[in-house]
């Protein structure tokens, strides 16, 4: 049986520089309604870059249209 009022949501993290999405995390939507921004390691660029939140249901490694 599912719990009422799911507070945590799974989100993907997309790289600002390379546009790839390799990290996923769960966030509490009540405590943090704004988008997440984290510095994580990018194996493609081989250095730490900024990753921002995007929807989980986009195609694999697909950047959102801007």
Protein backbone atom coordinates (compact mmCIF):
# COMPACT_ATOMS: atom_id res chain seq x y z
CA UNK A 1 0.00 0.00 0.00
CA UNK A 2 1.36 3.43 -0.96
CA UNK A 3 1.76 6.19 1.58
CA UNK A 4 -0.40 9.31 1.39
CA UNK A 5 1.30 12.50 0.24
CA UNK A 6 4.64 11.48 -1.25
CA UNK A 7 7.08 14.20 -0.18
CA UNK A 8 10.22 12.96 -1.94
CA UNK A 9 10.57 13.09 -5.72
CA UNK A 10 13.26 11.54 -7.94
CA UNK A 11 15.01 14.12 -10.14
CA UNK A 12 17.83 13.91 -12.67
CA UNK A 13 20.88 16.17 -12.56
CA UNK A 14 22.10 17.52 -15.90
CA UNK A 15 25.55 19.00 -16.52
CA UNK A 16 25.68 22.71 -17.38
CA UNK A 17 28.72 22.30 -19.63
CA UNK A 18 28.39 18.94 -21.41
CA UNK A 19 24.58 18.54 -21.27
CA UNK A 20 24.74 14.93 -20.11
CA UNK A 21 22.62 13.56 -17.30
CA UNK A 22 24.39 10.90 -15.26
CA UNK A 23 23.26 11.59 -11.69
CA UNK A 24 19.85 11.02 -10.09
CA UNK A 25 18.77 11.99 -6.59
CA UNK A 26 15.66 12.30 -4.46
CA UNK A 27 14.61 15.62 -2.99
CA UNK A 28 11.93 16.71 -0.56
CA UNK A 29 9.64 18.99 -2.57
CA UNK A 30 8.15 20.61 0.53
CA UNK A 31 11.48 21.75 1.99
CA UNK A 32 13.19 22.66 -1.31
CA UNK A 33 10.67 23.82 -3.94
CA UNK A 34 13.37 25.54 -6.06
CA UNK A 35 15.67 23.65 -8.44
CA UNK A 36 18.71 21.87 -7.02
CA UNK A 37 22.18 22.95 -8.11
CA UNK A 38 25.12 20.74 -7.08
CA UNK A 39 28.80 20.55 -7.99
CA UNK A 40 29.60 16.96 -8.94
CA UNK A 41 32.29 15.12 -10.89
CA UNK A 42 31.79 14.72 -14.64
CA UNK A 43 33.66 11.68 -15.96
CA UNK A 44 33.37 12.95 -19.53
CA UNK A 45 35.07 16.28 -18.73
CA UNK A 46 37.19 14.75 -15.93
CA UNK A 47 36.55 17.60 -13.49
CA UNK A 48 33.89 18.97 -11.16
CA UNK A 49 31.11 20.97 -12.84
CA UNK A 50 27.69 22.34 -11.89
CA UNK A 51 24.72 20.01 -12.28
CA UNK A 52 21.14 21.35 -12.16
CA UNK A 53 17.84 19.60 -11.61
CA UNK A 54 15.70 18.36 -14.49
CA UNK A 55 12.80 15.94 -14.83
CA UNK A 56 13.55 12.24 -14.49
CA UNK A 57 11.36 11.18 -17.42
CA UNK A 58 13.45 12.78 -20.21
CA UNK A 59 15.25 10.37 -22.55
CA UNK A 60 18.63 9.11 -21.38
CA UNK A 61 21.28 11.87 -21.54
CA UNK A 62 18.87 14.19 -23.35
CA UNK A 63 19.12 17.88 -22.53
CA UNK A 64 15.87 19.85 -22.13
CA UNK A 65 14.94 22.23 -24.97
CA UNK A 66 15.74 25.86 -24.15
